[in-house]
Amino acid sequence: MKKLALILCLTLSAFTQKEDKILFVGDSLTAYRGGWQHQVARMLHAKHTNISKGGKRTKWMVNELNKLSDNSEGYTKVIIYGGINDSFSSVKEDETIENIQDMVYTAKEMGAEPIVIVGYNADKVNRNTMYSNEVETKCRNRYIKLQKRIQRDIRGCNVIPMDNTIDRSDSDDGIHLKASGHRKFSSWVLNNLE
């Protein structure tokens, strides 16, 4: 009888488990069709929605996520990856950290698991860009500092640490990943999901 009850419980839990549905929130580093985010969702056998958009800062990301906070789509995970545009502009580091933390709280209120991605090692990738050496160095250093704070200060979620597998050869412009970078990055994210 106990064996039958156990089998029945396992069978019922298989039917009541929520299907994984991922919401990706980000900027151009997450916006590529067929990019790392698509590959991660495919490998997890999860449906996904991507509201990432090129050139956007974390404040925009907060606002877009808030529009979906009723979670009528049933997202089980919200994967957040942003901050590079904040670093390449005049956004204060504290504001970026607050925006990312706000997104974590919103994801939790939605009943979804929040996951924050630190990103690739900017010191290995953000070189020989379209920017002047002075601007490139300043922005790269700001982004590296921000990434360290994301790793250290963001709470209440799984923080995927900095990827060190990607280098400058995985990017055409020193900022955005090309196919080889997307493959490496998707592997890194999958290997670091809890």
C-alpha atoms as a PDB file:
ATOM      1  CA  MET A   1       0.000   0.000   0.000  1.00  0.00           C
ATOM      2  CA  LYS A   2       2.849   2.409   0.864  1.00  0.00           C
ATOM      3  CA  LYS A   3       4.479   1.657  -2.478  1.00  0.00           C
ATOM      4  CA  LEU A   4       1.235   2.438  -4.317  1.00  0.00           C
ATOM      5  CA  ALA A   5       0.844   5.728  -2.396  1.00  0.00           C
ATOM      6  CA  LEU A   6       4.413   6.738  -3.296  1.00  0.00           C
ATOM      7  CA  ILE A   7       3.853   5.976  -6.982  1.00  0.00           C
ATOM      8  CA  LEU A   8       0.592   7.949  -6.902  1.00  0.00           C
ATOM      9  CA  CYS A   9       2.331  10.959  -5.251  1.00  0.00           C
ATOM     10  CA  LEU A  10       5.146  10.935  -7.810  1.00  0.00           C
ATOM     11  CA  THR A  11       2.688  10.666 -10.693  1.00  0.00           C
ATOM     12  CA  LEU A  12       0.548  13.533  -9.386  1.00  0.00           C
ATOM     13  CA  SER A  13       3.575  15.775  -8.796  1.00  0.00           C
ATOM     14  CA  ALA A  14       4.666  15.199 -12.403  1.00  0.00           C
ATOM     15  CA  PHE A  15       1.279  16.468 -13.589  1.00  0.00           C
ATOM     16  CA  THR A  16       1.164  19.463 -11.246  1.00  0.00           C
ATOM     17  CA  GLN A  17       4.701  20.739 -11.854  1.00  0.00           C
ATOM     18  CA  LYS A  18       4.702  24.080 -13.573  1.00  0.00           C
ATOM     19  CA  GLU A  19       6.257  24.082 -17.022  1.00  0.00           C
ATOM     20  CA  ASP A  20       9.430  26.181 -17.116  1.00  0.00           C
ATOM     21  CA  LYS A  21       8.853  29.525 -18.789  1.00  0.00           C
ATOM     22  CA  ILE A  22      11.697  32.023 -18.793  1.00  0.00           C
ATOM     23  CA  LEU A  23      11.512  35.793 -19.153  1.00  0.00           C
ATOM     24  CA  PHE A  24      14.774  37.392 -20.325  1.00  0.00           C
ATOM     25  CA  VAL A  25      15.265  41.072 -19.477  1.00  0.00           C
ATOM     26  CA  GLY A  26      18.255  42.905 -20.890  1.00  0.00           C
ATOM     27  CA  ASP A  27      19.874  45.102 -23.503  1.00  0.00           C
ATOM     28  CA  SER A  28      21.573  44.323 -26.816  1.00  0.00           C
ATOM     29  CA  LEU A  29      23.764  41.650 -25.186  1.00  0.00           C
ATOM     30  CA  THR A  30      20.578  39.587 -24.736  1.00  0.00           C
ATOM     31  CA  ALA A  31      18.637  40.742 -27.805  1.00  0.00           C
ATOM     32  CA  TYR A  32      20.155  38.608 -30.588  1.00  0.00           C
ATOM     33  CA  ARG A  33      17.757  36.251 -32.319  1.00  0.00           C
ATOM     34  CA  GLY A  34      19.105  32.763 -31.687  1.00  0.00           C
ATOM     35  CA  GLY A  35      21.614  34.176 -29.174  1.00  0.00           C
ATOM     36  CA  TRP A  36      22.779  32.765 -25.856  1.00  0.00           C
ATOM     37  CA  GLN A  37      19.353  33.271 -24.241  1.00  0.00           C
ATOM     38  CA  HIS A  38      17.601  31.242 -26.924  1.00  0.00           C
ATOM     39  CA  GLN A  39      20.207  28.499 -26.554  1.00  0.00           C
ATOM     40  CA  VAL A  40      19.792  28.424 -22.752  1.00  0.00           C
ATOM     41  CA  ALA A  41      16.002  28.150 -23.024  1.00  0.00           C
ATOM     42  CA  ARG A  42      16.296  25.396 -25.643  1.00  0.00           C
ATOM     43  CA  MET A  43      18.734  23.388 -23.520  1.00  0.00           C
ATOM     44  CA  LEU A  44      16.397  23.717 -20.504  1.00  0.00           C
ATOM     45  CA  HIS A  45      13.410  22.678 -22.674  1.00  0.00           C
ATOM     46  CA  ALA A  46      11.698  25.874 -21.556  1.00  0.00           C
ATOM     47  CA  LYS A  47       9.426  28.297 -23.323  1.00  0.00           C
ATOM     48  CA  HIS A  48      10.731  31.834 -23.215  1.00  0.00           C
ATOM     49  CA  THR A  49       9.977  35.478 -23.857  1.00  0.00           C
ATOM     50  CA  ASN A  50      12.707  38.025 -24.479  1.00  0.00           C
ATOM     51  CA  ILE A  51      11.941  41.691 -23.774  1.00  0.00           C
ATOM     52  CA  SER A  52      15.572  42.798 -24.237  1.00  0.00           C
ATOM     53  CA  LYS A  53      16.331  45.726 -26.508  1.00  0.00           C
ATOM     54  CA  GLY A  54      19.560  47.237 -27.783  1.00  0.00           C
ATOM     55  CA  GLY A  55      20.853  50.437 -26.226  1.00  0.00           C
ATOM     56  CA  LYS A  56      18.598  50.241 -23.170  1.00  0.00           C
ATOM     57  CA  ARG A  57      19.653  50.981 -19.616  1.00  0.00           C
ATOM     58  CA  THR A  58      18.583  49.239 -16.434  1.00  0.00           C
ATOM     59  CA  LYS A  59      15.935  51.888 -15.644  1.00  0.00           C
ATOM     60  CA  TRP A  60      14.141  50.930 -18.876  1.00  0.00           C
ATOM     61  CA  MET A  61      14.492  47.257 -17.919  1.00  0.00           C
ATOM     62  CA  VAL A  62      12.828  47.930 -14.536  1.00  0.00           C
ATOM     63  CA  ASN A  63       9.898  49.663 -16.242  1.00  0.00           C
ATOM     64  CA  GLU A  64       9.438  46.883 -18.812  1.00  0.00           C
ATOM     65  CA  LEU A  65       9.534  44.175 -16.141  1.00  0.00           C
ATOM     66  CA  ASN A  66       6.989  46.082 -14.032  1.00  0.00           C
ATOM     67  CA  LYS A  67       4.573  45.966 -16.981  1.00  0.00           C
ATOM     68  CA  LEU A  68       4.656  42.154 -16.725  1.00  0.00           C
ATOM     69  CA  SER A  69       4.580  41.944 -12.928  1.00  0.00           C
ATOM     70  CA  ASP A  70       1.109  40.381 -12.847  1.00  0.00           C
ATOM     71  CA  ASN A  71       2.846  37.313 -14.329  1.00  0.00           C
ATOM     72  CA  SER A  72      -0.218  36.345 -16.323  1.00  0.00           C
ATOM     73  CA  GLU A  73       2.147  34.401 -18.613  1.00  0.00           C
ATOM     74  CA  GLY A  74       3.277  32.155 -15.754  1.00  0.00           C
ATOM     75  CA  TYR A  75       7.030  32.814 -15.840  1.00  0.00           C
ATOM     76  CA  THR A  76       9.000  30.485 -13.577  1.00  0.00           C
ATOM     77  CA  LYS A  77      12.349  32.251 -14.059  1.00  0.00           C
ATOM     78  CA  VAL A  78      13.346  35.853 -14.786  1.00  0.00           C
ATOM     79  CA  ILE A  79      16.900  36.123 -16.112  1.00  0.00           C
ATOM     80  CA  ILE A  80      18.321  39.644 -15.811  1.00  0.00           C
ATOM     81  CA  TYR A  81      21.446  40.779 -17.660  1.00  0.00           C
ATOM     82  CA  GLY A  82      22.124  44.479 -17.948  1.00  0.00           C
ATOM     83  CA  GLY A  83      24.326  47.362 -16.957  1.00  0.00           C
ATOM     84  CA  ILE A  84      26.790  47.829 -19.794  1.00  0.00           C
ATOM     85  CA  ASN A  85      24.806  50.751 -21.242  1.00  0.00           C
ATOM     86  CA  ASP A  86      24.649  52.320 -17.782  1.00  0.00           C
ATOM     87  CA  SER A  87      28.455  52.065 -17.603  1.00  0.00           C
ATOM     88  CA  PHE A  88      28.866  53.568 -21.077  1.00  0.00           C
ATOM     89  CA  SER A  89      26.726  56.546 -20.020  1.00  0.00           C
ATOM     90  CA  SER A  90      26.437  58.815 -17.008  1.00  0.00           C
ATOM     91  CA  VAL A  91      24.307  56.512 -14.831  1.00  0.00           C
ATOM     92  CA  LYS A  92      25.624  56.281 -11.283  1.00  0.00           C
ATOM     93  CA  GLU A  93      26.728  52.846 -10.177  1.00  0.00           C
ATOM     94  CA  ASP A  94      24.458  52.909  -7.119  1.00  0.00           C
ATOM     95  CA  GLU A  95      21.453  53.575  -9.351  1.00  0.00           C
ATOM     96  CA  THR A  96      22.298  50.606 -11.567  1.00  0.00           C
ATOM     97  CA  ILE A  97      22.653  48.321  -8.542  1.00  0.00           C
ATOM     98  CA  GLU A  98      19.309  49.571  -7.167  1.00  0.00           C
ATOM     99  CA  ASN A  99      17.636  48.944 -10.540  1.00  0.00           C
ATOM    100  CA  ILE A 100      18.946  45.388 -10.735  1.00  0.00           C
ATOM    101  CA  GLN A 101      17.920  44.708  -7.130  1.00  0.00           C
ATOM    102  CA  ASP A 102      14.445  46.130  -7.875  1.00  0.00           C
ATOM    103  CA  MET A 103      14.129  43.667 -10.762  1.00  0.00           C
ATOM    104  CA  VAL A 104      15.079  40.808  -8.432  1.00  0.00           C
ATOM    105  CA  TYR A 105      12.345  41.868  -6.000  1.00  0.00           C
ATOM    106  CA  THR A 106       9.806  42.193  -8.822  1.00  0.00           C
ATOM    107  CA  ALA A 107      10.638  38.707 -10.111  1.00  0.00           C
ATOM    108  CA  LYS A 108      10.142  37.293  -6.604  1.00  0.00           C
ATOM    109  CA  GLU A 109       6.807  39.087  -6.262  1.00  0.00           C
ATOM    110  CA  MET A 110       5.833  37.481  -9.571  1.00  0.00           C
ATOM    111  CA  GLY A 111       6.536  34.066  -8.048  1.00  0.00           C
ATOM    112  CA  ALA A 112       9.441  33.526 -10.438  1.00  0.00           C
ATOM    113  CA  GLU A 113      13.029  32.624  -9.636  1.00  0.00           C
ATOM    114  CA  PRO A 114      15.255  35.665 -10.251  1.00  0.00           C
ATOM    115  CA  ILE A 115      18.643  35.031 -11.864  1.00  0.00           C
ATOM    116  CA  VAL A 116      21.157  37.833 -12.414  1.00  0.00           C
ATOM    117  CA  ILE A 117      24.027  37.471 -14.849  1.00  0.00           C
ATOM    118  CA  VAL A 118      27.265  39.382 -14.193  1.00  0.00           C
ATOM    119  CA  GLY A 119      28.372  38.963 -17.822  1.00  0.00           C
ATOM    120  CA  TYR A 120      31.585  38.284 -19.665  1.00  0.00           C
ATOM    121  CA  ASN A 121      34.983  39.562 -18.533  1.00  0.00           C
ATOM    122  CA  ALA A 122      35.011  43.089 -19.980  1.00  0.00           C
ATOM    123  CA  ASP A 123      38.787  43.290 -19.599  1.00  0.00           C
ATOM    124  CA  LYS A 124      39.145  40.447 -22.114  1.00  0.00           C
ATOM    125  CA  VAL A 125      36.463  41.637 -24.576  1.00  0.00           C
ATOM    126  CA  ASN A 126      35.907  45.418 -24.459  1.00  0.00           C
ATOM    127  CA  ARG A 127      38.961  46.364 -26.528  1.00  0.00           C
ATOM    128  CA  ASN A 128      39.424  47.837 -30.000  1.00  0.00           C
ATOM    129  CA  THR A 129      35.882  49.171 -30.039  1.00  0.00           C
ATOM    130  CA  MET A 130      34.467  52.027 -32.102  1.00  0.00           C
ATOM    131  CA  TYR A 131      35.149  54.375 -29.172  1.00  0.00           C
ATOM    132  CA  SER A 132      38.349  56.347 -28.643  1.00  0.00           C
ATOM    133  CA  ASN A 133      40.955  54.691 -26.409  1.00  0.00           C
ATOM    134  CA  GLU A 134      40.180  57.178 -23.643  1.00  0.00           C
ATOM    135  CA  VAL A 135      36.415  56.573 -23.705  1.00  0.00           C
ATOM    136  CA  GLU A 136      36.850  52.821 -24.141  1.00  0.00           C
ATOM    137  CA  THR A 137      39.189  52.551 -21.147  1.00  0.00           C
ATOM    138  CA  LYS A 138      36.981  54.716 -18.942  1.00  0.00           C
ATOM    139  CA  CYS A 139      33.805  52.785 -19.801  1.00  0.00           C
ATOM    140  CA  ARG A 140      35.471  49.370 -19.573  1.00  0.00           C
ATOM    141  CA  ASN A 141      36.801  50.228 -16.103  1.00  0.00           C
ATOM    142  CA  ARG A 142      33.360  51.491 -15.013  1.00  0.00           C
ATOM    143  CA  TYR A 143      31.759  48.263 -16.256  1.00  0.00           C
ATOM    144  CA  ILE A 144      34.326  46.046 -14.503  1.00  0.00           C
ATOM    145  CA  LYS A 145      33.697  47.926 -11.253  1.00  0.00           C
ATOM    146  CA  LEU A 146      29.920  47.536 -11.737  1.00  0.00           C
ATOM    147  CA  GLN A 147      30.270  43.810 -12.410  1.00  0.00           C
ATOM    148  CA  LYS A 148      32.184  43.357  -9.147  1.00  0.00           C
ATOM    149  CA  ARG A 149      29.393  45.163  -7.285  1.00  0.00           C
ATOM    150  CA  ILE A 150      26.702  43.045  -8.966  1.00  0.00           C
ATOM    151  CA  GLN A 151      28.567  39.914  -7.848  1.00  0.00           C
ATOM    152  CA  ARG A 152      29.042  41.253  -4.310  1.00  0.00           C
ATOM    153  CA  ASP A 153      25.891  43.294  -3.586  1.00  0.00           C
ATOM    154  CA  ILE A 154      22.876  41.791  -5.345  1.00  0.00           C
ATOM    155  CA  ARG A 155      20.843  39.689  -2.916  1.00  0.00           C
ATOM    156  CA  GLY A 156      17.953  37.237  -2.972  1.00  0.00           C
ATOM    157  CA  CYS A 157      18.783  35.470  -6.220  1.00  0.00           C
ATOM    158  CA  ASN A 158      21.190  33.233  -8.048  1.00  0.00           C
ATOM    159  CA  VAL A 159      23.992  35.462  -9.383  1.00  0.00           C
ATOM    160  CA  ILE A 160      25.823  33.856 -12.287  1.00  0.00           C
ATOM    161  CA  PRO A 161      29.479  34.908 -11.881  1.00  0.00           C
ATOM    162  CA  MET A 162      31.648  36.567 -14.490  1.00  0.00           C
ATOM    163  CA  ASP A 163      32.331  34.448 -17.563  1.00  0.00           C
ATOM    164  CA  ASN A 164      36.044  34.025 -18.287  1.00  0.00           C
ATOM    165  CA  THR A 165      35.700  31.741 -21.320  1.00  0.00           C
ATOM    166  CA  ILE A 166      34.955  34.546 -23.801  1.00  0.00           C
ATOM    167  CA  ASP A 167      37.699  36.743 -25.255  1.00  0.00           C
ATOM    168  CA  ARG A 168      38.046  39.455 -27.893  1.00  0.00           C
ATOM    169  CA  SER A 169      37.977  36.866 -30.715  1.00  0.00           C
ATOM    170  CA  ASP A 170      34.352  36.088 -29.739  1.00  0.00           C
ATOM    171  CA  SER A 171      33.212  39.623 -30.602  1.00  0.00           C
ATOM    172  CA  ASP A 172      33.240  41.536 -33.876  1.00  0.00           C
ATOM    173  CA  ASP A 173      33.102  45.003 -32.296  1.00  0.00           C
ATOM    174  CA  GLY A 174      34.616  44.487 -28.834  1.00  0.00           C
ATOM    175  CA  ILE A 175      31.210  44.692 -27.147  1.00  0.00           C
ATOM    176  CA  HIS A 176      28.651  42.350 -28.731  1.00  0.00           C
ATOM    177  CA  LEU A 177      29.146  38.613 -29.025  1.00  0.00           C
ATOM    178  CA  LYS A 178      29.280  36.780 -32.319  1.00  0.00           C
ATOM    179  CA  ALA A 179      28.175  33.148 -32.736  1.00  0.00           C
ATOM    180  CA  SER A 180      31.203  31.626 -30.971  1.00  0.00           C
ATOM    181  CA  GLY A 181      30.664  33.962 -28.008  1.00  0.00           C
ATOM    182  CA  HIS A 182      26.965  33.131 -27.769  1.00  0.00           C
ATOM    183  CA  ARG A 183      27.776  29.405 -27.709  1.00  0.00           C
ATOM    184  CA  LYS A 184      30.400  29.827 -24.974  1.00  0.00           C
ATOM    185  CA  PHE A 185      28.191  32.177 -22.963  1.00  0.00           C
ATOM    186  CA  SER A 186      25.171  29.866 -23.094  1.00  0.00           C
ATOM    187  CA  SER A 187      27.358  27.015 -21.825  1.00  0.00           C
ATOM    188  CA  TRP A 188      28.676  29.232 -19.028  1.00  0.00           C
ATOM    189  CA  VAL A 189      25.165  30.244 -17.936  1.00  0.00           C
ATOM    190  CA  LEU A 190      23.885  26.652 -18.024  1.00  0.00           C
ATOM    191  CA  ASN A 191      26.871  25.371 -16.057  1.00  0.00           C
ATOM    192  CA  ASN A 192      26.283  28.000 -13.363  1.00  0.00           C
ATOM    193  CA  LEU A 193      22.535  27.634 -12.912  1.00  0.00           C
ATOM    194  CA  GLU A 194      21.685  26.083  -9.539  1.00  0.00           C
END
